[in-house]
Amino acid sequence: MSHTYHYDYIIIGAGIIGLSIAKELGEKFPKCSIAILEKEDDVAKHASGLNSGVLHAGFYYTSDSLKARFCVDGNRLMKAFCKENNIPVNHCGKVVIASNEEELQGLYELENRGRRNGVDVELIDLVRLKEIDSNAKSYQKALYSPNTASVDPKLVCTKLKEILVEHGVKFEFSSEFKKKKNNIIYTNQKQYTCEYLINAAGLYADKIARQFGFAKNRIIIPFRGNYLKYSNSNHTIKTHIYPVPNLLNPFLGVHYTLTVKNELKLGPTATPALWRENYKGLSNFNFQEFIQIIYYETKLFLFNSFHFRRLAISEIKKYNRKHFVKLAQHLSNNCNPDLFDTWTKPGIRAQLLNTKTLKLEMDFIVEKDEHSLHILNAVSPAFTCSFAFASYLVSEKIKKIQHKK
């Protein structure tokens, strides 16, 4: 009979959410044993390491959402963590621009949301816009967010791993969750028991949650996000430049993003993927996932829920680089469209779908019982929110283990 390893807390997933929760647990309960099970060979191999690195300010989200609740504090805590650990931050700020009268009304709504959420946000005129970034173009007004910034998400996650290892957290890499049976967690390597399990498995969080009786009527539908990199480092863009988004869906539209190294990117796409790790070509192809996801994407297309048909067609068109670049030309004056010429490595958004309503879930979703907690739909701005979100989960949701050593 195989040896069973026991820990107080087991976390599945070494992305930013799993790492942040481990950090918070270690600080709150230093005598407890913690293990992180990760199917890859290192941390942040998926969305946590492949996202844009933008630290959002928090003005997109309705005030009753978890996203709004944790974005402002998450932004502040992430910047403090980076400062403490000498991780660079690009404090470039962001402007949201309008193209017409309808989008101008969208700016007013974003300003209202921002103020309700405690965000430092300001409606500015075109003179002030030119002072902030002379490249940005807008209709009558723009929205300015000074606290939006950029970091290297991979650097953040790697530093978290170093800190956690120093504090005794056990990382079990190349360890893929297979099943739960009679309170034993089986992986492809070992088997485990724990006092409390935390599912932060990103793209696979729903599949794991179902083994614990959760994620009913919910499934993750993956969307692939690609960026085009600007090949000239001497660009004159000074801030993130975003359009007014459609607030009925969770995507923010094609925009200009500055990296922590001040490189300029255009994107992202939000292409419906055909299996969970559908990064490129047929790599990581999974037939069972393909059939399941095609079923729901076909259903969304036929019923045209949340205008999925229009979304899917518009995203397919973005494979044409010239068309993709043209979508954002109205945002800026001085970018040479021919210099957006290099596709970066894509990321996959683990977007949760309600299979009863056929609507995308807009907020983070947490389901739990006395033995486990499952974090579903940890999509943008989850990276920004991570430290504040983890603090909330450990304080209010996760079982407290009084461990004696």
Protein backbone atom coordinates (compact mmCIF):
# COMPACT_ATOMS: atom_id res chain seq x y z
CA MET A 1 0.00 0.00 0.00
CA SER A 2 1.36 3.42 -0.98
CA HIS A 3 2.39 5.84 1.71
CA THR A 4 -0.10 8.68 2.25
CA TYR A 5 1.34 12.12 2.98
CA HIS A 6 -0.61 14.32 5.38
CA TYR A 7 -0.74 18.12 5.58
CA ASP A 8 -2.95 20.56 7.42
CA TYR A 9 -3.64 22.48 4.20
CA ILE A 10 -3.31 21.27 0.64
CA ILE A 11 -3.61 23.82 -2.16
CA ILE A 12 -4.12 22.64 -5.72
CA GLY A 13 -2.57 25.09 -8.19
CA ALA A 14 0.61 27.17 -8.04
CA GLY A 15 -0.75 30.23 -9.79
CA ILE A 16 -1.03 33.64 -8.15
CA ILE A 17 -4.18 32.72 -6.18
CA GLY A 18 -2.76 29.49 -4.75
CA LEU A 19 0.55 31.19 -3.91
CA SER A 20 -1.17 34.17 -2.26
CA ILE A 21 -3.35 31.91 -0.14
CA ALA A 22 -0.30 29.90 0.95
CA LYS A 23 1.45 33.14 1.94
CA GLU A 24 -1.55 34.30 3.96
CA LEU A 25 -2.03 30.91 5.65
CA GLY A 26 1.65 30.79 6.58
CA GLU A 27 1.48 34.24 8.15
CA LYS A 28 -1.76 33.55 10.04
CA PHE A 29 -1.01 29.95 11.09
CA PRO A 30 2.80 29.55 11.13
CA LYS A 31 2.65 26.14 12.88
CA CYS A 32 0.49 24.55 10.20
CA SER A 33 1.86 22.37 7.41
CA ILE A 34 1.06 23.47 3.86
CA ALA A 35 1.61 21.72 0.53
CA ILE A 36 0.95 23.05 -2.97
CA LEU A 37 0.21 20.46 -5.66
CA GLU A 38 1.00 21.68 -9.18
CA LYS A 39 0.75 19.61 -12.36
CA GLU A 40 3.44 21.68 -14.11
CA ASP A 41 7.17 21.75 -13.27
CA ASP A 42 7.11 25.30 -11.84
CA VAL A 43 4.79 28.08 -10.69
CA ALA A 44 2.72 30.36 -12.94
CA LYS A 45 2.91 28.27 -16.12
CA HIS A 46 -0.56 29.33 -17.25
CA ALA A 47 -2.68 32.49 -16.80
CA SER A 48 -0.74 33.78 -13.78
CA GLY A 49 2.51 33.93 -15.76
CA LEU A 50 1.05 34.75 -19.16
CA ASN A 51 -1.31 37.62 -18.33
CA SER A 52 -0.63 41.23 -19.35
CA GLY A 53 0.88 42.16 -15.97
CA VAL A 54 -1.45 45.15 -15.68
CA LEU A 55 -2.33 46.13 -12.10
CA HIS A 56 -5.89 47.35 -12.47
CA ALA A 57 -7.31 50.22 -10.44
CA GLY A 58 -10.83 48.81 -9.96
CA PHE A 59 -13.27 51.08 -11.80
CA TYR A 60 -14.76 48.53 -14.23
CA TYR A 61 -16.64 46.45 -11.67
CA THR A 62 -20.04 46.88 -10.02
CA SER A 63 -19.72 47.89 -6.37
CA ASP A 64 -21.43 44.73 -5.08
CA SER A 65 -18.81 42.45 -6.67
CA LEU A 66 -15.81 40.69 -5.13
CA LYS A 67 -13.72 42.18 -7.92
CA ALA A 68 -14.59 45.70 -6.77
CA ARG A 69 -14.13 44.77 -3.12
CA PHE A 70 -10.53 43.62 -3.54
CA CYS A 71 -9.08 45.49 -6.52
CA VAL A 72 -8.09 48.76 -4.80
CA ASP A 73 -6.44 47.04 -1.82
CA GLY A 74 -4.99 44.36 -4.08
CA ASN A 75 -3.34 47.01 -6.26
CA ARG A 76 -1.81 48.68 -3.19
CA LEU A 77 -0.66 45.40 -1.61
CA MET A 78 0.90 44.13 -4.85
CA LYS A 79 2.85 47.37 -5.29
CA ALA A 80 4.02 47.16 -1.67
CA PHE A 81 5.13 43.54 -2.17
CA CYS A 82 7.07 44.52 -5.29
CA LYS A 83 8.74 47.44 -3.52
CA GLU A 84 9.69 45.27 -0.54
CA ASN A 85 11.22 42.62 -2.82
CA ASN A 86 12.86 44.91 -5.40
CA ILE A 87 10.51 43.83 -8.18
CA PRO A 88 10.14 46.61 -10.78
CA VAL A 89 6.79 48.35 -11.31
CA ASN A 90 5.91 50.61 -14.24
CA HIS A 91 3.71 53.35 -12.68
CA CYS A 92 2.47 54.47 -16.09
CA GLY A 93 -1.24 55.03 -15.32
CA LYS A 94 -4.06 54.52 -17.80
CA VAL A 95 -6.47 56.54 -19.89
CA VAL A 96 -9.80 55.25 -21.20
CA ILE A 97 -10.91 57.08 -24.33
CA ALA A 98 -14.26 57.53 -26.06
CA SER A 99 -14.95 57.60 -29.81
CA ASN A 100 -18.44 59.09 -29.81
CA GLU A 101 -21.31 60.37 -27.66
CA GLU A 102 -22.46 56.88 -26.67
CA GLU A 103 -18.98 55.94 -25.45
CA LEU A 104 -18.73 59.27 -23.62
CA GLN A 105 -21.70 58.12 -21.53
CA GLY A 106 -19.72 54.95 -20.89
CA LEU A 107 -16.92 57.07 -19.42
CA TYR A 108 -19.38 58.65 -16.99
CA GLU A 109 -20.54 55.19 -15.92
CA LEU A 110 -16.93 54.06 -15.37
CA GLU A 111 -16.24 57.20 -13.33
CA ASN A 112 -19.32 56.49 -11.19
CA ARG A 113 -18.25 52.89 -10.63
CA GLY A 114 -14.75 54.00 -9.76
CA ARG A 115 -15.93 56.52 -7.17
CA ARG A 116 -18.27 53.98 -5.58
CA ASN A 117 -15.36 51.53 -5.38
CA GLY A 118 -12.96 54.03 -3.79
CA VAL A 119 -10.78 54.32 -6.89
CA ASP A 120 -8.66 57.39 -7.66
CA VAL A 121 -10.17 58.16 -11.06
CA GLU A 122 -10.78 61.44 -12.88
CA LEU A 123 -12.67 62.59 -15.95
CA ILE A 124 -10.31 64.89 -17.85
CA ASP A 125 -10.60 67.22 -20.84
CA LEU A 126 -8.55 66.89 -24.01
CA VAL A 127 -5.98 69.45 -22.86
CA ARG A 128 -5.20 67.39 -19.77
CA LEU A 129 -5.22 64.21 -21.87
CA LYS A 130 -2.54 65.70 -24.13
CA GLU A 131 -0.42 66.50 -21.07
CA ILE A 132 -0.64 62.91 -19.84
CA ASP A 133 -0.08 61.27 -23.23
CA SER A 134 -0.06 63.34 -26.40
CA ASN A 135 -0.60 60.14 -28.42
CA ALA A 136 -4.03 59.37 -26.99
CA LYS A 137 -7.12 60.49 -28.94
CA SER A 138 -10.59 60.86 -27.47
CA TYR A 139 -14.01 62.41 -27.98
CA GLN A 140 -14.50 65.44 -25.67
CA LYS A 141 -13.24 63.74 -22.50
CA ALA A 142 -11.19 60.80 -21.24
CA LEU A 143 -10.98 58.88 -17.98
CA TYR A 144 -7.63 58.98 -16.17
CA SER A 145 -6.49 56.32 -13.71
CA PRO A 146 -3.13 57.24 -12.13
CA ASN A 147 -2.89 54.02 -10.07
CA THR A 148 -3.00 51.56 -12.96
CA ALA A 149 0.48 50.08 -13.40
CA SER A 150 2.41 47.10 -14.81
CA VAL A 151 4.53 44.36 -13.30
CA ASP A 152 6.17 41.17 -14.54
CA PRO A 153 3.72 38.51 -13.24
CA LYS A 154 6.28 35.73 -13.58
CA LEU A 155 8.75 37.62 -11.37
CA VAL A 156 6.08 38.14 -8.72
CA CYS A 157 5.13 34.45 -8.66
CA THR A 158 8.77 33.30 -8.61
CA LYS A 159 9.52 35.55 -5.64
CA LEU A 160 6.44 34.23 -3.84
CA LYS A 161 7.68 30.68 -4.40
CA GLU A 162 11.09 31.58 -2.90
CA ILE A 163 9.45 33.14 0.16
CA LEU A 164 7.10 30.19 0.66
CA VAL A 165 9.91 27.63 0.38
CA GLU A 166 11.89 29.60 3.00
CA HIS A 167 8.88 29.37 5.31
CA GLY A 168 8.47 25.62 4.95
CA VAL A 169 5.72 25.34 2.34
CA LYS A 170 6.15 22.09 0.41
CA PHE A 171 5.86 22.33 -3.38
CA GLU A 172 4.91 19.12 -5.19
CA PHE A 173 5.57 19.88 -8.86
CA SER A 174 4.60 17.60 -11.77
CA SER A 175 1.86 16.40 -9.43
CA GLU A 176 -1.52 16.27 -11.18
CA PHE A 177 -4.76 15.80 -9.24
CA LYS A 178 -6.47 12.62 -10.45
CA LYS A 179 -9.31 11.90 -8.04
CA LYS A 180 -10.61 12.10 -4.49
CA LYS A 181 -11.79 8.90 -2.84
CA ASN A 182 -12.54 8.30 0.85
CA ASN A 183 -10.89 11.62 1.75
CA ILE A 184 -7.67 10.61 0.00
CA ILE A 185 -6.31 12.88 -2.76
CA TYR A 186 -4.74 10.84 -5.54
CA THR A 187 -2.22 12.36 -7.95
CA ASN A 188 -0.04 10.84 -10.66
CA GLN A 189 2.84 10.80 -8.13
CA LYS A 190 1.65 10.30 -4.56
CA GLN A 191 -1.47 10.27 -2.43
CA TYR A 192 -2.36 12.74 0.28
CA THR A 193 -4.76 13.54 3.07
CA CYS A 194 -5.33 16.93 4.65
CA GLU A 195 -7.42 18.76 7.19
CA TYR A 196 -8.58 21.22 4.53
CA LEU A 197 -8.20 21.41 0.75
CA ILE A 198 -8.13 24.60 -1.32
CA ASN A 199 -8.81 24.29 -5.04
CA ALA A 200 -7.09 27.11 -6.96
CA ALA A 201 -6.57 25.10 -10.13
CA GLY A 202 -7.51 27.78 -12.67
CA LEU A 203 -8.48 26.12 -15.96
CA TYR A 204 -9.34 22.88 -14.14
CA ALA A 205 -10.95 24.31 -11.00
CA ASP A 206 -14.46 23.34 -12.10
CA LYS A 207 -13.49 19.73 -12.90
CA ILE A 208 -11.85 19.31 -9.49
CA ALA A 209 -14.73 21.08 -7.71
CA ARG A 210 -17.22 18.62 -9.21
CA GLN A 211 -15.45 15.74 -7.44
CA PHE A 212 -16.29 17.50 -4.17
CA GLY A 213 -19.93 18.14 -5.12
CA PHE A 214 -19.49 21.73 -6.33
CA ALA A 215 -19.53 23.67 -9.63
CA LYS A 216 -22.97 22.36 -10.51
CA ASN A 217 -24.38 23.97 -13.66
CA ARG A 218 -21.02 25.64 -14.30
CA ILE A 219 -18.20 24.89 -16.70
CA ILE A 220 -15.04 26.69 -17.70
CA ILE A 221 -15.02 27.85 -21.30
CA PRO A 222 -11.46 28.83 -22.29
CA PHE A 223 -10.71 32.03 -24.24
CA ARG A 224 -7.28 32.55 -25.77
CA GLY A 225 -5.69 35.99 -25.44
CA ASN A 226 -2.96 37.06 -27.89
CA TYR A 227 -0.98 40.29 -27.98
CA LEU A 228 0.99 41.89 -30.78
CA LYS A 229 4.31 43.43 -29.74
CA TYR A 230 5.53 46.73 -31.18
CA SER A 231 9.02 46.12 -32.58
CA ASN A 232 10.34 49.66 -32.03
CA SER A 233 11.35 50.31 -28.41
CA ASN A 234 11.45 54.06 -29.14
CA HIS A 235 7.66 54.40 -29.23
CA THR A 236 6.22 57.53 -27.60
CA ILE A 237 3.22 56.00 -25.79
CA LYS A 238 3.38 57.02 -22.12
CA THR A 239 0.38 55.27 -20.57
CA HIS A 240 -1.99 52.35 -21.08
CA ILE A 241 -4.65 53.44 -23.59
CA TYR A 242 -7.97 51.56 -23.41
CA PRO A 243 -11.31 51.96 -25.22
CA VAL A 244 -14.65 52.08 -23.42
CA PRO A 245 -15.56 48.40 -22.95
CA ASN A 246 -18.90 46.68 -23.32
CA LEU A 247 -19.77 46.36 -19.63
CA LEU A 248 -22.15 43.45 -20.30
CA ASN A 249 -19.24 41.09 -20.95
CA PRO A 250 -15.96 40.64 -19.05
CA PHE A 251 -13.58 41.57 -21.90
CA LEU A 252 -12.01 45.04 -22.10
CA GLY A 253 -11.54 45.45 -25.85
CA VAL A 254 -8.36 45.84 -27.90
CA HIS A 255 -6.01 48.30 -26.20
CA TYR A 256 -2.44 49.54 -25.92
CA THR A 257 -0.56 48.08 -22.95
CA LEU A 258 2.86 49.04 -21.61
CA THR A 259 4.89 46.27 -20.00
CA VAL A 260 7.08 46.74 -16.94
CA LYS A 261 10.01 47.28 -19.37
CA ASN A 262 7.96 49.90 -21.22
CA GLU A 263 7.49 47.67 -24.24
CA LEU A 264 4.30 48.36 -26.17
CA LYS A 265 1.73 45.63 -26.85
CA LEU A 266 -1.61 45.65 -28.63
CA GLY A 267 -4.38 43.28 -27.62
CA PRO A 268 -5.68 41.03 -26.43
CA THR A 269 -7.83 38.80 -28.54
CA ALA A 270 -10.56 36.86 -26.72
CA THR A 271 -10.78 33.88 -29.06
CA PRO A 272 -13.00 30.98 -27.94
CA ALA A 273 -10.55 28.11 -27.51
CA LEU A 274 -11.43 24.52 -28.41
CA TRP A 275 -9.89 22.78 -25.38
CA ARG A 276 -8.52 24.07 -22.10
CA GLU A 277 -4.85 24.35 -23.03
CA ASN A 278 -5.43 25.24 -26.69
CA TYR A 279 -2.45 27.59 -26.86
CA LYS A 280 -1.21 26.81 -30.37
CA GLY A 281 -2.10 24.34 -33.09
CA LEU A 282 -2.91 20.89 -31.78
CA SER A 283 -0.61 21.09 -28.75
CA ASN A 284 -2.15 19.65 -25.56
CA PHE A 285 -5.15 18.45 -27.56
CA ASN A 286 -7.75 16.73 -25.38
CA PHE A 287 -10.58 15.01 -27.25
CA GLN A 288 -12.97 14.84 -24.28
CA GLU A 289 -12.52 18.55 -23.55
CA PHE A 290 -12.88 19.35 -27.25
CA ILE A 291 -16.26 17.59 -27.49
CA GLN A 292 -17.55 19.20 -24.29
CA ILE A 293 -16.42 22.73 -25.17
CA ILE A 294 -17.61 22.50 -28.78
CA TYR A 295 -21.03 21.43 -27.46
CA TYR A 296 -21.37 24.55 -25.29
CA GLU A 297 -19.81 26.92 -27.82
CA THR A 298 -22.22 25.61 -30.49
CA LYS A 299 -25.10 26.14 -28.08
CA LEU A 300 -23.92 29.70 -27.36
CA PHE A 301 -23.61 30.36 -31.09
CA LEU A 302 -27.12 29.04 -31.86
CA PHE A 303 -28.82 30.87 -28.98
CA ASN A 304 -26.52 33.89 -29.43
CA SER A 305 -26.28 34.34 -25.67
CA PHE A 306 -24.44 37.54 -24.64
CA HIS A 307 -23.98 38.15 -28.42
CA PHE A 308 -21.58 35.19 -28.60
CA ARG A 309 -22.10 34.87 -32.36
CA ARG A 310 -20.83 38.38 -32.98
CA LEU A 311 -17.98 37.86 -30.51
CA ALA A 312 -16.84 34.62 -32.16
CA ILE A 313 -16.93 36.07 -35.69
CA SER A 314 -15.13 39.27 -34.66
CA GLU A 315 -12.44 37.27 -32.86
CA ILE A 316 -11.79 35.02 -35.87
CA LYS A 317 -11.23 38.17 -37.96
CA LYS A 318 -8.48 39.22 -35.53
CA TYR A 319 -6.23 36.46 -36.87
CA ASN A 320 -5.65 38.92 -39.71
CA ARG A 321 -2.91 41.11 -38.25
CA LYS A 322 -3.75 44.20 -40.31
CA HIS A 323 -7.41 44.00 -39.27
CA PHE A 324 -6.42 43.51 -35.63
CA VAL A 325 -4.11 46.53 -35.62
CA LYS A 326 -6.74 48.67 -37.35
CA LEU A 327 -9.19 48.04 -34.49
CA ALA A 328 -7.07 50.20 -32.18
CA GLN A 329 -5.83 52.88 -34.57
CA HIS A 330 -8.47 55.32 -33.30
CA LEU A 331 -6.86 55.19 -29.83
CA SER A 332 -3.57 56.83 -30.78
CA ASN A 333 -1.90 59.30 -33.11
CA ASN A 334 1.66 58.14 -33.62
CA CYS A 335 1.92 54.34 -33.72
CA ASN A 336 3.12 52.85 -36.99
CA PRO A 337 0.70 49.94 -37.61
CA ASP A 338 3.37 48.01 -39.54
CA LEU A 339 5.54 47.79 -36.41
CA PHE A 340 3.01 45.69 -34.49
CA ASP A 341 4.58 42.62 -36.04
CA THR A 342 5.29 39.96 -33.38
CA TRP A 343 2.71 37.76 -31.66
CA THR A 344 3.56 37.10 -28.02
CA LYS A 345 2.92 33.78 -26.28
CA PRO A 346 -0.84 33.58 -25.68
CA GLY A 347 -2.59 33.10 -22.37
CA ILE A 348 -5.83 31.23 -21.72
CA ARG A 349 -8.62 32.86 -19.72
CA ALA A 350 -10.47 30.30 -17.54
CA GLN A 351 -13.91 31.88 -18.00
CA LEU A 352 -16.79 30.28 -16.14
CA LEU A 353 -20.09 29.73 -17.94
CA ASN A 354 -23.43 29.16 -16.23
CA THR A 355 -24.81 26.23 -18.22
CA LYS A 356 -28.42 26.95 -17.19
CA THR A 357 -28.53 30.63 -18.13
CA LEU A 358 -25.83 30.38 -20.84
CA LYS A 359 -24.30 33.58 -19.43
CA LEU A 360 -20.68 34.19 -18.55
CA GLU A 361 -20.09 34.63 -14.83
CA MET A 362 -18.86 38.18 -14.24
CA ASP A 363 -17.45 37.86 -10.72
CA PHE A 364 -15.14 35.58 -8.74
CA ILE A 365 -17.08 32.61 -7.37
CA VAL A 366 -16.18 30.72 -4.19
CA GLU A 367 -17.89 27.50 -3.07
CA LYS A 368 -17.01 25.71 0.15
CA ASP A 369 -17.87 23.32 2.94
CA GLU A 370 -16.13 22.29 6.15
CA HIS A 371 -13.53 20.22 4.26
CA SER A 372 -12.72 22.21 1.13
CA LEU A 373 -12.90 25.56 -0.69
CA HIS A 374 -13.08 26.01 -4.47
CA ILE A 375 -12.14 29.22 -6.27
CA LEU A 376 -13.97 29.40 -9.58
CA ASN A 377 -13.76 32.08 -12.24
CA ALA A 378 -10.58 33.70 -10.92
CA VAL A 379 -10.21 35.81 -14.07
CA SER A 380 -8.98 39.39 -14.49
CA PRO A 381 -8.40 41.30 -12.24
CA ALA A 382 -7.55 38.23 -10.11
CA PHE A 383 -3.81 38.92 -10.37
CA THR A 384 -4.30 42.47 -9.07
CA CYS A 385 -6.74 41.32 -6.37
CA SER A 386 -4.73 38.29 -5.26
CA PHE A 387 -3.24 39.45 -1.94
CA ALA A 388 -6.44 41.15 -0.76
CA PHE A 389 -8.59 38.26 -1.99
CA ALA A 390 -6.37 35.73 -0.19
CA SER A 391 -6.60 37.72 3.04
CA TYR A 392 -10.41 37.66 2.82
CA LEU A 393 -10.52 33.92 2.08
CA VAL A 394 -8.21 33.00 4.95
CA SER A 395 -9.99 35.32 7.40
CA GLU A 396 -13.58 34.54 6.47
CA LYS A 397 -13.89 31.37 4.36
CA ILE A 398 -11.11 28.88 5.00
CA LYS A 399 -11.29 26.58 8.02
CA LYS A 400 -8.94 27.61 10.81
CA ILE A 401 -6.76 24.76 12.02
CA GLN A 402 -5.30 25.13 15.50
CA HIS A 403 -2.29 22.93 15.01
CA LYS A 404 -0.03 22.09 17.93
CA LYS A 405 3.65 21.44 17.41
